[in-house]
PDB file of N, CA and C in Angstrom:
ATOM      1  N   MET A   1      -6.233 -53.029 -14.506  1.00  0.00           N
ATOM      2  CA  MET A   1      -5.796 -53.761 -13.614  1.00  0.00           C
ATOM      3  C   MET A   1      -5.894 -55.039 -14.023  1.00  0.00           C
ATOM      4  N   ARG A   2      -5.772 -55.453 -14.939  1.00  0.00           N
ATOM      5  CA  ARG A   2      -5.519 -56.947 -15.546  1.00  0.00           C
ATOM      6  C   ARG A   2      -4.044 -57.089 -16.216  1.00  0.00           C
ATOM      7  N   GLU A   3      -3.595 -55.731 -16.441  1.00  0.00           N
ATOM      8  CA  GLU A   3      -2.514 -55.302 -17.272  1.00  0.00           C
ATOM      9  C   GLU A   3      -1.693 -54.907 -15.693  1.00  0.00           C
ATOM     10  N   ARG A   4      -1.881 -54.817 -15.115  1.00  0.00           N
ATOM     11  CA  ARG A   4      -0.796 -54.762 -13.844  1.00  0.00           C
ATOM     12  C   ARG A   4      -0.527 -52.976 -13.680  1.00  0.00           C
ATOM     13  N   ARG A   5      -1.249 -52.366 -14.083  1.00  0.00           N
ATOM     14  CA  ARG A   5      -1.121 -50.653 -14.365  1.00  0.00           C
ATOM     15  C   ARG A   5      -1.693 -49.822 -13.301  1.00  0.00           C
ATOM     16  N   TYR A   6      -1.486 -50.230 -11.657  1.00  0.00           N
ATOM     17  CA  TYR A   6      -2.073 -49.543 -10.818  1.00  0.00           C
ATOM     18  C   TYR A   6      -0.692 -49.173  -9.906  1.00  0.00           C
ATOM     19  N   LEU A   7      -0.578 -48.807  -8.736  1.00  0.00           N
ATOM     20  CA  LEU A   7       0.428 -48.366  -7.712  1.00  0.00           C
ATOM     21  C   LEU A   7      -0.659 -48.288  -6.221  1.00  0.00           C
ATOM     22  N   PHE A   8      -0.366 -48.944  -4.977  1.00  0.00           N
ATOM     23  CA  PHE A   8      -0.976 -48.599  -3.973  1.00  0.00           C
ATOM     24  C   PHE A   8      -0.411 -47.628  -3.507  1.00  0.00           C
ATOM     25  N   SER A   9      -0.759 -46.604  -2.898  1.00  0.00           N
ATOM     26  CA  SER A   9      -0.021 -45.522  -1.399  1.00  0.00           C
ATOM     27  C   SER A   9       0.141 -46.267  -0.689  1.00  0.00           C
ATOM     28  N   ASP A  10       0.777 -45.826   0.048  1.00  0.00           N
ATOM     29  CA  ASP A  10       1.566 -46.656   1.179  1.00  0.00           C
ATOM     30  C   ASP A  10       0.308 -46.368   2.391  1.00  0.00           C
ATOM     31  N   HIS A  11      -0.272 -45.062   1.923  1.00  0.00           N
ATOM     32  CA  HIS A  11      -1.307 -44.646   2.938  1.00  0.00           C
ATOM     33  C   HIS A  11      -2.698 -45.981   2.961  1.00  0.00           C
ATOM     34  N   SER A  12      -2.702 -46.225   1.716  1.00  0.00           N
ATOM     35  CA  SER A  12      -3.913 -47.119   1.226  1.00  0.00           C
ATOM     36  C   SER A  12      -3.405 -48.651   1.724  1.00  0.00           C
ATOM     37  N   LEU A  13      -2.161 -49.000   1.692  1.00  0.00           N
ATOM     38  CA  LEU A  13      -1.614 -50.314   2.566  1.00  0.00           C
ATOM     39  C   LEU A  13      -1.780 -50.521   3.878  1.00  0.00           C
ATOM     40  N   TYR A  14      -1.970 -49.231   4.797  1.00  0.00           N
ATOM     41  CA  TYR A  14      -1.652 -48.931   5.994  1.00  0.00           C
ATOM     42  C   TYR A  14      -3.146 -49.153   6.320  1.00  0.00           C
ATOM     43  N   GLU A  15      -3.893 -48.285   5.594  1.00  0.00           N
ATOM     44  CA  GLU A  15      -5.691 -48.732   6.258  1.00  0.00           C
ATOM     45  C   GLU A  15      -6.219 -49.583   5.620  1.00  0.00           C
ATOM     46  N   ALA A  16      -5.394 -50.497   4.395  1.00  0.00           N
ATOM     47  CA  ALA A  16      -6.339 -51.912   4.579  1.00  0.00           C
ATOM     48  C   ALA A  16      -5.635 -53.041   5.474  1.00  0.00           C
ATOM     49  N   ASP A  17      -4.313 -52.626   5.702  1.00  0.00           N
ATOM     50  CA  ASP A  17      -4.252 -53.643   6.954  1.00  0.00           C
ATOM     51  C   ASP A  17      -4.479 -52.962   7.961  1.00  0.00           C
ATOM     52  N   ILE A  18      -5.436 -52.048   8.685  1.00  0.00           N
ATOM     53  CA  ILE A  18      -6.173 -51.713   9.953  1.00  0.00           C
ATOM     54  C   ILE A  18      -7.131 -52.841   9.783  1.00  0.00           C
ATOM     55  N   ASP A  19      -8.041 -52.406   8.461  1.00  0.00           N
ATOM     56  CA  ASP A  19      -9.287 -53.080   8.293  1.00  0.00           C
ATOM     57  C   ASP A  19      -8.988 -54.749   8.185  1.00  0.00           C
ATOM     58  N   GLY A  20      -7.751 -55.526   7.788  1.00  0.00           N
ATOM     59  CA  GLY A  20      -7.703 -57.001   8.072  1.00  0.00           C
ATOM     60  C   GLY A  20      -7.803 -57.446   6.501  1.00  0.00           C
ATOM     61  N   LEU A  21      -7.569 -56.451   5.376  1.00  0.00           N
ATOM     62  CA  LEU A  21      -7.378 -56.984   4.380  1.00  0.00           C
ATOM     63  C   LEU A  21      -6.140 -56.619   3.399  1.00  0.00           C
ATOM     64  N   VAL A  22      -6.033 -57.570   2.276  1.00  0.00           N
ATOM     65  CA  VAL A  22      -4.730 -57.118   1.970  1.00  0.00           C
ATOM     66  C   VAL A  22      -5.196 -56.916   0.500  1.00  0.00           C
ATOM     67  N   GLU A  23      -4.029 -56.550  -0.465  1.00  0.00           N
ATOM     68  CA  GLU A  23      -3.716 -56.327  -1.663  1.00  0.00           C
ATOM     69  C   GLU A  23      -5.063 -57.079  -2.690  1.00  0.00           C
ATOM     70  N   ASP A  24      -5.060 -58.404  -2.448  1.00  0.00           N
ATOM     71  CA  ASP A  24      -5.670 -58.989  -3.404  1.00  0.00           C
ATOM     72  C   ASP A  24      -7.030 -58.659  -3.072  1.00  0.00           C
ATOM     73  N   ASP A  25      -7.116 -58.110  -1.733  1.00  0.00           N
ATOM     74  CA  ASP A  25      -8.799 -58.034  -1.797  1.00  0.00           C
ATOM     75  C   ASP A  25      -8.725 -56.312  -2.343  1.00  0.00           C
ATOM     76  N   VAL A  26      -8.544 -55.769  -2.268  1.00  0.00           N
ATOM     77  CA  VAL A  26      -8.327 -54.458  -2.780  1.00  0.00           C
ATOM     78  C   VAL A  26      -8.806 -54.787  -4.334  1.00  0.00           C
ATOM     79  N   LEU A  27      -8.121 -55.380  -5.478  1.00  0.00           N
ATOM     80  CA  LEU A  27      -7.923 -55.540  -6.293  1.00  0.00           C
ATOM     81  C   LEU A  27      -9.086 -56.384  -6.651  1.00  0.00           C
ATOM     82  N   HIS A  28      -9.325 -57.420  -5.812  1.00  0.00           N
ATOM     83  CA  HIS A  28     -10.790 -57.789  -6.391  1.00  0.00           C
ATOM     84  C   HIS A  28     -12.300 -56.972  -5.803  1.00  0.00           C
ATOM     85  N   ILE A  29     -11.937 -55.570  -5.190  1.00  0.00           N
ATOM     86  CA  ILE A  29     -13.208 -54.685  -4.881  1.00  0.00           C
ATOM     87  C   ILE A  29     -13.099 -54.062  -6.408  1.00  0.00           C
ATOM     88  N   LEU A  30     -11.776 -53.744  -6.973  1.00  0.00           N
ATOM     89  CA  LEU A  30     -11.713 -53.070  -8.046  1.00  0.00           C
ATOM     90  C   LEU A  30     -12.232 -53.827  -9.239  1.00  0.00           C
ATOM     91  N   LEU A  31     -11.938 -54.402  -9.356  1.00  0.00           N
ATOM     92  CA  LEU A  31     -12.517 -55.730 -10.222  1.00  0.00           C
ATOM     93  C   LEU A  31     -13.877 -55.854 -10.661  1.00  0.00           C
ATOM     94  N   THR A  32     -14.565 -55.996  -9.499  1.00  0.00           N
ATOM     95  CA  THR A  32     -16.149 -56.844  -8.922  1.00  0.00           C
ATOM     96  C   THR A  32     -16.932 -55.549  -8.541  1.00  0.00           C
ATOM     97  N   GLY A  33     -16.282 -54.514  -7.754  1.00  0.00           N
ATOM     98  CA  GLY A  33     -17.275 -53.614  -7.332  1.00  0.00           C
ATOM     99  C   GLY A  33     -18.433 -52.409  -8.487  1.00  0.00           C
ATOM    100  N   ASP A  34     -18.756 -51.452  -7.551  1.00  0.00           N
ATOM    101  CA  ASP A  34     -19.453 -50.281  -8.715  1.00  0.00           C
ATOM    102  C   ASP A  34     -18.830 -49.167  -7.840  1.00  0.00           C
ATOM    103  N   LEU A  35     -18.715 -48.525  -9.400  1.00  0.00           N
ATOM    104  CA  LEU A  35     -18.207 -46.763  -9.078  1.00  0.00           C
ATOM    105  C   LEU A  35     -19.806 -46.134  -8.350  1.00  0.00           C
ATOM    106  N   ASP A  36     -19.100 -46.322  -7.306  1.00  0.00           N
ATOM    107  CA  ASP A  36     -20.334 -44.927  -6.357  1.00  0.00           C
ATOM    108  C   ASP A  36     -20.109 -43.739  -6.488  1.00  0.00           C
ATOM    109  N   SER A  37     -19.172 -43.291  -6.405  1.00  0.00           N
ATOM    110  CA  SER A  37     -18.908 -41.342  -7.139  1.00  0.00           C
ATOM    111  C   SER A  37     -17.428 -41.056  -7.193  1.00  0.00           C
ATOM    112  N   THR A  38     -17.780 -40.367  -7.899  1.00  0.00           N
ATOM    113  CA  THR A  38     -16.353 -39.072  -8.399  1.00  0.00           C
ATOM    114  C   THR A  38     -16.519 -38.128  -8.021  1.00  0.00           C
ATOM    115  N   TYR A  39     -15.316 -37.489  -7.797  1.00  0.00           N
ATOM    116  CA  TYR A  39     -14.908 -35.944  -7.334  1.00  0.00           C
ATOM    117  C   TYR A  39     -13.947 -35.339  -8.178  1.00  0.00           C
ATOM    118  N   ALA A  40     -14.639 -34.305  -8.537  1.00  0.00           N
ATOM    119  CA  ALA A  40     -13.645 -33.941  -9.420  1.00  0.00           C
ATOM    120  C   ALA A  40     -13.132 -32.500  -8.877  1.00  0.00           C
ATOM    121  N   ASP A  41     -13.054 -32.398  -7.751  1.00  0.00           N
ATOM    122  CA  ASP A  41     -12.605 -30.688  -7.160  1.00  0.00           C
ATOM    123  C   ASP A  41     -11.318 -30.586  -6.754  1.00  0.00           C
ATOM    124  N   ASP A  42     -10.157 -31.707  -7.011  1.00  0.00           N
ATOM    125  CA  ASP A  42      -9.332 -31.897  -6.433  1.00  0.00           C
ATOM    126  C   ASP A  42      -8.038 -31.627  -7.952  1.00  0.00           C
ATOM    127  N   LEU A  43      -6.886 -30.456  -7.675  1.00  0.00           N
ATOM    128  CA  LEU A  43      -6.197 -30.477  -8.817  1.00  0.00           C
ATOM    129  C   LEU A  43      -5.498 -31.270  -9.064  1.00  0.00           C
ATOM    130  N   ARG A  44      -5.174 -32.010  -8.620  1.00  0.00           N
ATOM    131  CA  ARG A  44      -4.720 -33.470  -9.032  1.00  0.00           C
ATOM    132  C   ARG A  44      -5.160 -34.826  -9.824  1.00  0.00           C
ATOM    133  N   GLY A  45      -6.582 -34.269  -9.714  1.00  0.00           N
ATOM    134  CA  GLY A  45      -7.435 -35.170 -10.844  1.00  0.00           C
ATOM    135  C   GLY A  45      -8.624 -35.802  -9.955  1.00  0.00           C
ATOM    136  N   ILE A  46      -9.171 -36.325 -11.067  1.00  0.00           N
ATOM    137  CA  ILE A  46     -10.341 -36.731 -10.403  1.00  0.00           C
ATOM    138  C   ILE A  46     -10.407 -38.057  -9.557  1.00  0.00           C
ATOM    139  N   ARG A  47     -11.073 -38.083  -8.656  1.00  0.00           N
ATOM    140  CA  ARG A  47     -10.918 -39.249  -7.686  1.00  0.00           C
ATOM    141  C   ARG A  47     -12.330 -39.830  -7.973  1.00  0.00           C
ATOM    142  N   TYR A  48     -12.309 -41.450  -7.837  1.00  0.00           N
ATOM    143  CA  TYR A  48     -13.199 -42.051  -7.946  1.00  0.00           C
ATOM    144  C   TYR A  48     -13.521 -43.070  -6.293  1.00  0.00           C
ATOM    145  N   VAL A  49     -14.703 -43.101  -6.198  1.00  0.00           N
ATOM    146  CA  VAL A  49     -14.953 -44.213  -5.484  1.00  0.00           C
ATOM    147  C   VAL A  49     -15.393 -45.381  -5.913  1.00  0.00           C
ATOM    148  N   VAL A  50     -14.444 -46.838  -5.333  1.00  0.00           N
ATOM    149  CA  VAL A  50     -15.075 -47.987  -6.147  1.00  0.00           C
ATOM    150  C   VAL A  50     -15.569 -48.572  -4.565  1.00  0.00           C
ATOM    151  N   ARG A  51     -17.130 -49.216  -4.499  1.00  0.00           N
ATOM    152  CA  ARG A  51     -17.913 -49.982  -3.447  1.00  0.00           C
ATOM    153  C   ARG A  51     -17.929 -50.942  -3.952  1.00  0.00           C
ATOM    154  N   GLY A  52     -17.351 -52.114  -2.774  1.00  0.00           N
ATOM    155  CA  GLY A  52     -17.434 -53.746  -3.285  1.00  0.00           C
ATOM    156  C   GLY A  52     -17.490 -54.440  -1.860  1.00  0.00           C
ATOM    157  N   PHE A  53     -16.995 -55.624  -2.057  1.00  0.00           N
ATOM    158  CA  PHE A  53     -17.098 -56.544  -1.017  1.00  0.00           C
ATOM    159  C   PHE A  53     -16.095 -57.335  -0.620  1.00  0.00           C
ATOM    160  N   ALA A  54     -15.758 -57.695   0.423  1.00  0.00           N
ATOM    161  CA  ALA A  54     -14.596 -58.391   0.703  1.00  0.00           C
ATOM    162  C   ALA A  54     -14.848 -58.700   2.041  1.00  0.00           C
ATOM    163  N   TYR A  55     -14.978 -60.647   1.771  1.00  0.00           N
ATOM    164  CA  TYR A  55     -15.612 -61.059   3.072  1.00  0.00           C
ATOM    165  C   TYR A  55     -16.870 -60.139   3.231  1.00  0.00           C
ATOM    166  N   ALA A  56     -17.466 -60.088   4.276  1.00  0.00           N
ATOM    167  CA  ALA A  56     -18.472 -59.786   4.442  1.00  0.00           C
ATOM    168  C   ALA A  56     -18.630 -58.265   4.801  1.00  0.00           C
ATOM    169  N   LEU A  57     -17.660 -57.847   4.238  1.00  0.00           N
ATOM    170  CA  LEU A  57     -17.488 -56.305   4.896  1.00  0.00           C
ATOM    171  C   LEU A  57     -17.954 -55.543   3.333  1.00  0.00           C
ATOM    172  N   GLU A  58     -18.500 -54.463   3.535  1.00  0.00           N
ATOM    173  CA  GLU A  58     -18.782 -53.279   2.495  1.00  0.00           C
ATOM    174  C   GLU A  58     -17.476 -52.247   2.404  1.00  0.00           C
ATOM    175  N   VAL A  59     -17.131 -52.312   1.381  1.00  0.00           N
ATOM    176  CA  VAL A  59     -15.560 -51.676   1.390  1.00  0.00           C
ATOM    177  C   VAL A  59     -15.078 -50.375   0.532  1.00  0.00           C
ATOM    178  N   ASP A  60     -15.040 -49.230   0.689  1.00  0.00           N
ATOM    179  CA  ASP A  60     -14.817 -48.418   0.283  1.00  0.00           C
ATOM    180  C   ASP A  60     -13.154 -48.035  -0.766  1.00  0.00           C
ATOM    181  N   VAL A  61     -12.826 -47.979  -2.190  1.00  0.00           N
ATOM    182  CA  VAL A  61     -11.503 -47.836  -2.613  1.00  0.00           C
ATOM    183  C   VAL A  61     -11.678 -46.553  -2.805  1.00  0.00           C
ATOM    184  N   VAL A  62     -10.753 -45.950  -2.684  1.00  0.00           N
ATOM    185  CA  VAL A  62     -10.429 -44.407  -3.574  1.00  0.00           C
ATOM    186  C   VAL A  62      -9.210 -44.121  -4.249  1.00  0.00           C
ATOM    187  N   CYS A  63      -9.326 -43.924  -5.583  1.00  0.00           N
ATOM    188  CA  CYS A  63      -8.326 -43.984  -6.521  1.00  0.00           C
ATOM    189  C   CYS A  63      -7.899 -43.010  -7.408  1.00  0.00           C
ATOM    190  N   ARG A  64      -7.376 -42.899  -8.309  1.00  0.00           N
ATOM    191  CA  ARG A  64      -7.630 -41.796  -8.945  1.00  0.00           C
ATOM    192  C   ARG A  64      -6.048 -42.228 -10.450  1.00  0.00           C
ATOM    193  N   PHE A  65      -6.378 -41.599 -11.538  1.00  0.00           N
ATOM    194  CA  PHE A  65      -5.268 -42.074 -12.870  1.00  0.00           C
ATOM    195  C   PHE A  65      -4.665 -41.170 -12.465  1.00  0.00           C
ATOM    196  N   ASP A  66      -3.328 -41.537 -13.045  1.00  0.00           N
ATOM    197  CA  ASP A  66      -1.865 -40.792 -12.661  1.00  0.00           C
ATOM    198  C   ASP A  66      -2.211 -39.543 -13.919  1.00  0.00           C
ATOM    199  N   SER A  67      -1.145 -38.588 -14.244  1.00  0.00           N
ATOM    200  CA  SER A  67      -1.385 -37.310 -14.652  1.00  0.00           C
ATOM    201  C   SER A  67      -1.664 -37.852 -16.479  1.00  0.00           C
ATOM    202  N   ASN A  68      -0.992 -38.738 -16.895  1.00  0.00           N
ATOM    203  CA  ASN A  68      -0.890 -39.515 -18.206  1.00  0.00           C
ATOM    204  C   ASN A  68      -2.136 -40.732 -18.143  1.00  0.00           C
ATOM    205  N   GLY A  69      -2.945 -40.585 -17.108  1.00  0.00           N
ATOM    206  CA  GLY A  69      -4.405 -41.626 -17.160  1.00  0.00           C
ATOM    207  C   GLY A  69      -4.104 -42.814 -17.858  1.00  0.00           C
ATOM    208  N   ILE A  70      -2.784 -43.056 -17.257  1.00  0.00           N
ATOM    209  CA  ILE A  70      -2.117 -44.698 -17.455  1.00  0.00           C
ATOM    210  C   ILE A  70      -2.385 -45.583 -16.473  1.00  0.00           C
ATOM    211  N   LEU A  71      -1.962 -45.233 -15.070  1.00  0.00           N
ATOM    212  CA  LEU A  71      -1.859 -45.741 -14.004  1.00  0.00           C
ATOM    213  C   LEU A  71      -2.872 -45.210 -13.066  1.00  0.00           C
ATOM    214  N   LEU A  72      -3.518 -46.442 -12.890  1.00  0.00           N
ATOM    215  CA  LEU A  72      -3.996 -46.253 -11.422  1.00  0.00           C
ATOM    216  C   LEU A  72      -3.618 -45.779 -10.332  1.00  0.00           C
ATOM    217  N   ILE A  73      -3.828 -45.105  -9.261  1.00  0.00           N
ATOM    218  CA  ILE A  73      -3.220 -45.186  -8.022  1.00  0.00           C
ATOM    219  C   ILE A  73      -4.562 -45.482  -7.105  1.00  0.00           C
ATOM    220  N   VAL A  74      -4.231 -45.899  -6.244  1.00  0.00           N
ATOM    221  CA  VAL A  74      -5.056 -46.657  -4.949  1.00  0.00           C
ATOM    222  C   VAL A  74      -4.588 -45.831  -3.877  1.00  0.00           C
ATOM    223  N   ILE A  75      -5.538 -44.873  -3.199  1.00  0.00           N
ATOM    224  CA  ILE A  75      -5.164 -43.740  -2.669  1.00  0.00           C
ATOM    225  C   ILE A  75      -5.487 -44.236  -1.015  1.00  0.00           C
ATOM    226  N   THR A  76      -6.497 -44.870  -1.334  1.00  0.00           N
ATOM    227  CA  THR A  76      -7.411 -45.183   0.569  1.00  0.00           C
ATOM    228  C   THR A  76      -8.263 -46.013   0.301  1.00  0.00           C
ATOM    229  N   VAL A  77      -8.028 -47.044   1.523  1.00  0.00           N
ATOM    230  CA  VAL A  77      -9.101 -47.932   1.819  1.00  0.00           C
ATOM    231  C   VAL A  77      -9.827 -47.927   3.144  1.00  0.00           C
ATOM    232  N   TYR A  78     -10.818 -47.822   2.776  1.00  0.00           N
ATOM    233  CA  TYR A  78     -11.584 -48.365   4.087  1.00  0.00           C
ATOM    234  C   TYR A  78     -12.903 -48.738   3.937  1.00  0.00           C
ATOM    235  N   VAL A  79     -13.898 -49.566   5.430  1.00  0.00           N
ATOM    236  CA  VAL A  79     -15.016 -50.007   5.715  1.00  0.00           C
ATOM    237  C   VAL A  79     -15.811 -49.105   5.857  1.00  0.00           C
ATOM    238  N   VAL A  80     -16.806 -49.437   5.255  1.00  0.00           N
ATOM    239  CA  VAL A  80     -17.805 -48.478   4.887  1.00  0.00           C
ATOM    240  C   VAL A  80     -18.674 -48.436   6.350  1.00  0.00           C
ATOM    241  N   ASP A  81     -19.088 -47.782   6.842  1.00  0.00           N
ATOM    242  CA  ASP A  81     -19.455 -47.656   8.375  1.00  0.00           C
ATOM    243  C   ASP A  81     -21.215 -47.758   8.044  1.00  0.00           C
TER     244      ASP A  81
END
């Protein structure tokens, strides 16, 4: 993250915007949140769910690494109900 090796999918930006979040909010969650769960059942690679807070909202950020393991791809973002 600190080396800027990440990419936001269009879907993640759309979902973040719906919840009133911006890229900096998502980056803050990725840097300060906790790994909530991992899902290894996807052929595209392991998905990670990082849970953290933006403002008073509890937010999950779903992401995975690219096939080279270098670039973190943010798949989606949502407020936890």
